[in-house]
Amino acid sequence: MVKSARVGYSKMLLGVYAYFIEHKQRNTLIWLPTDGDAENFMKTHVEPTIRDIPSLLGAGSVVWQKAPG
């Protein structure tokens, strides 16, 4: 996909993931190319989303697993 930077794509995806977790009880996976990117995304996007949406707090657990290698 080719898109402009800073158009809210990450926030839109987090909204979709939150919907699947809360209403559809589905597992979700977010893949990022490096561990640093993944850690940054967790700290700046995922953790605040879970913190700010009370229904997600008890909906499941966030599992952080480093890829082998």
C-alpha atoms as a PDB file:
ATOM      1  CA  MET A   1       0.000   0.000   0.000  1.00  0.00           C
ATOM      2  CA  VAL A   2       1.291   3.448  -0.886  1.00  0.00           C
ATOM      3  CA  LYS A   3       0.024   6.277   1.290  1.00  0.00           C
ATOM      4  CA  SER A   4       1.033   9.658   2.583  1.00  0.00           C
ATOM      5  CA  ALA A   5       2.646   9.927   5.994  1.00  0.00           C
ATOM      6  CA  ARG A   6       0.621  10.987   9.037  1.00  0.00           C
ATOM      7  CA  VAL A   7      -2.877  10.297   7.744  1.00  0.00           C
ATOM      8  CA  GLY A   8      -4.099   8.429  10.850  1.00  0.00           C
ATOM      9  CA  TYR A   9      -3.703   4.941   9.402  1.00  0.00           C
ATOM     10  CA  SER A  10      -2.280   3.489  12.650  1.00  0.00           C
ATOM     11  CA  LYS A  11      -5.119   4.952  14.722  1.00  0.00           C
ATOM     12  CA  MET A  12      -7.687   3.591  12.276  1.00  0.00           C
ATOM     13  CA  LEU A  13      -6.149   0.115  12.517  1.00  0.00           C
ATOM     14  CA  LEU A  14      -6.142   0.293  16.316  1.00  0.00           C
ATOM     15  CA  GLY A  15      -9.843   1.129  16.181  1.00  0.00           C
ATOM     16  CA  VAL A  16     -10.472  -1.918  14.017  1.00  0.00           C
ATOM     17  CA  TYR A  17      -8.403  -4.117  16.350  1.00  0.00           C
ATOM     18  CA  ALA A  18     -10.252  -2.746  19.391  1.00  0.00           C
ATOM     19  CA  TYR A  19     -13.572  -3.564  17.706  1.00  0.00           C
ATOM     20  CA  PHE A  20     -12.486  -7.134  16.973  1.00  0.00           C
ATOM     21  CA  ILE A  21     -11.215  -7.620  20.531  1.00  0.00           C
ATOM     22  CA  GLU A  22     -14.261  -6.120  22.255  1.00  0.00           C
ATOM     23  CA  HIS A  23     -17.181  -7.137  20.044  1.00  0.00           C
ATOM     24  CA  LYS A  24     -16.009 -10.156  18.087  1.00  0.00           C
ATOM     25  CA  GLN A  25     -13.686 -11.672  20.742  1.00  0.00           C
ATOM     26  CA  ARG A  26     -10.998 -12.206  18.115  1.00  0.00           C
ATOM     27  CA  ASN A  27      -7.270 -12.429  18.598  1.00  0.00           C
ATOM     28  CA  THR A  28      -5.265  -9.834  16.715  1.00  0.00           C
ATOM     29  CA  LEU A  29      -1.666  -9.564  15.629  1.00  0.00           C
ATOM     30  CA  ILE A  30       0.295  -6.471  14.722  1.00  0.00           C
ATOM     31  CA  TRP A  31       3.556  -7.129  12.894  1.00  0.00           C
ATOM     32  CA  LEU A  32       6.283  -4.516  12.589  1.00  0.00           C
ATOM     33  CA  PRO A  33       9.646  -4.933  10.852  1.00  0.00           C
ATOM     34  CA  THR A  34      11.977  -4.420  13.832  1.00  0.00           C
ATOM     35  CA  ASP A  35      11.851  -4.916  17.591  1.00  0.00           C
ATOM     36  CA  GLY A  36      12.482  -1.197  18.062  1.00  0.00           C
ATOM     37  CA  ASP A  37       9.526  -0.307  15.844  1.00  0.00           C
ATOM     38  CA  ALA A  38       7.336  -2.762  17.745  1.00  0.00           C
ATOM     39  CA  GLU A  39       8.367  -1.417  21.164  1.00  0.00           C
ATOM     40  CA  ASN A  40       7.797   2.164  20.034  1.00  0.00           C
ATOM     41  CA  PHE A  41       4.380   1.301  18.571  1.00  0.00           C
ATOM     42  CA  MET A  42       3.363  -0.467  21.793  1.00  0.00           C
ATOM     43  CA  LYS A  43       4.397   2.498  23.950  1.00  0.00           C
ATOM     44  CA  THR A  44       3.001   5.272  21.761  1.00  0.00           C
ATOM     45  CA  HIS A  45      -0.160   3.686  20.334  1.00  0.00           C
ATOM     46  CA  VAL A  46      -1.274   0.365  21.846  1.00  0.00           C
ATOM     47  CA  GLU A  47      -0.754   1.059  25.554  1.00  0.00           C
ATOM     48  CA  PRO A  48      -2.539   4.463  25.450  1.00  0.00           C
ATOM     49  CA  THR A  49      -5.419   2.893  23.492  1.00  0.00           C
ATOM     50  CA  ILE A  50      -5.877   0.157  26.087  1.00  0.00           C
ATOM     51  CA  ARG A  51      -5.547   2.709  28.907  1.00  0.00           C
ATOM     52  CA  ASP A  52      -8.098   5.104  27.379  1.00  0.00           C
ATOM     53  CA  ILE A  53     -10.784   2.546  26.475  1.00  0.00           C
ATOM     54  CA  PRO A  54     -12.025   1.011  29.744  1.00  0.00           C
ATOM     55  CA  SER A  55     -13.759  -1.935  28.081  1.00  0.00           C
ATOM     56  CA  LEU A  56     -10.429  -3.100  26.643  1.00  0.00           C
ATOM     57  CA  LEU A  57      -8.770  -3.271  30.061  1.00  0.00           C
ATOM     58  CA  GLY A  58     -10.494  -6.540  30.930  1.00  0.00           C
ATOM     59  CA  ALA A  59     -11.028  -7.860  27.414  1.00  0.00           C
ATOM     60  CA  GLY A  60      -7.843  -9.858  27.240  1.00  0.00           C
ATOM     61  CA  SER A  61      -4.147  -9.729  27.659  1.00  0.00           C
ATOM     62  CA  VAL A  62      -1.479  -8.144  25.543  1.00  0.00           C
ATOM     63  CA  VAL A  63       1.249 -10.639  24.845  1.00  0.00           C
ATOM     64  CA  TRP A  64       4.657  -9.336  23.901  1.00  0.00           C
ATOM     65  CA  GLN A  65       6.766 -12.048  22.388  1.00  0.00           C
ATOM     66  CA  LYS A  66      10.067 -11.381  20.716  1.00  0.00           C
ATOM     67  CA  ALA A  67      10.581 -13.228  17.466  1.00  0.00           C
ATOM     68  CA  PRO A  68      13.255 -15.913  17.570  1.00  0.00           C
ATOM     69  CA  GLY A  69      16.573 -15.105  15.954  1.00  0.00           C
END
